[in-house]
Amino acid sequence: MGLNKKQKKQLDVERKKILKLQQQLTGAKQQTDEPEEVTRIEGEIAACQERIEKIQQG
């Protein structure tokens, strides 16, 4: 089953969020003053990946 325009847009938005979060994660790992920040960002990335999978499965 193909994806409609709305689903494609949602995938695009989620992928862009992941890219932004990965950049933030890199920065957070370099600055070790807030270790909980790394955990929070990793959780957000995982949530985005789950939403992508859900959209793709329909």
Protein backbone atom coordinates (compact mmCIF):
# COMPACT_ATOMS: atom_id res chain seq x y z
CA MET A 1 0.00 0.00 0.00
CA GLY A 2 1.42 3.38 -1.02
CA LEU A 3 1.65 6.40 1.19
CA ASN A 4 -0.57 9.41 0.68
CA LYS A 5 0.66 13.02 0.72
CA LYS A 6 -0.08 13.48 4.42
CA GLN A 7 1.86 10.36 5.38
CA LYS A 8 4.81 11.38 3.19
CA LYS A 9 4.84 14.82 4.82
CA GLN A 10 4.72 13.24 8.29
CA LEU A 11 7.67 11.01 7.40
CA ASP A 12 9.61 14.00 6.10
CA VAL A 13 8.95 15.96 9.30
CA GLU A 14 9.97 13.03 11.53
CA ARG A 15 13.18 12.46 9.56
CA LYS A 16 14.09 16.14 9.86
CA LYS A 17 13.44 15.97 13.61
CA ILE A 18 15.78 12.99 13.86
CA LEU A 19 18.54 14.83 12.01
CA LYS A 20 18.19 17.84 14.32
CA LEU A 21 18.12 15.62 17.41
CA GLN A 22 21.23 13.74 16.25
CA GLN A 23 23.08 17.05 16.00
CA GLN A 24 21.89 17.98 19.49
CA LEU A 25 22.96 14.57 20.75
CA THR A 26 26.46 15.06 19.38
CA GLY A 27 26.70 18.39 21.17
CA ALA A 28 25.27 16.99 24.40
CA LYS A 29 27.82 14.17 24.39
CA GLN A 30 30.64 16.68 24.03
CA GLN A 31 29.35 18.70 26.99
CA THR A 32 29.21 16.28 29.88
CA ASP A 33 27.74 18.76 32.38
CA GLU A 34 24.17 17.49 31.79
CA PRO A 35 24.23 13.68 31.37
CA GLU A 36 20.41 13.43 31.55
CA GLU A 37 20.24 15.52 28.35
CA VAL A 38 21.84 12.68 26.36
CA THR A 39 19.24 10.23 27.68
CA ARG A 40 16.37 12.61 26.89
CA ILE A 41 17.54 13.19 23.31
CA GLU A 42 18.07 9.45 22.72
CA GLY A 43 14.51 8.86 23.93
CA GLU A 44 13.15 11.48 21.54
CA ILE A 45 15.05 9.90 18.63
CA ALA A 46 13.61 6.48 19.51
CA ALA A 47 10.09 7.97 19.66
CA CYS A 48 10.53 9.54 16.22
CA GLN A 49 11.74 6.24 14.80
CA GLU A 50 8.70 4.47 16.26
CA ARG A 51 6.37 7.04 14.66
CA ILE A 52 8.11 6.53 11.31
CA GLU A 53 7.62 2.77 11.55
CA LYS A 54 3.97 3.23 12.49
CA ILE A 55 3.34 5.54 9.52
CA GLN A 56 5.08 3.15 7.13
CA GLN A 57 3.05 0.18 8.37
CA GLY A 58 -0.18 2.14 8.01
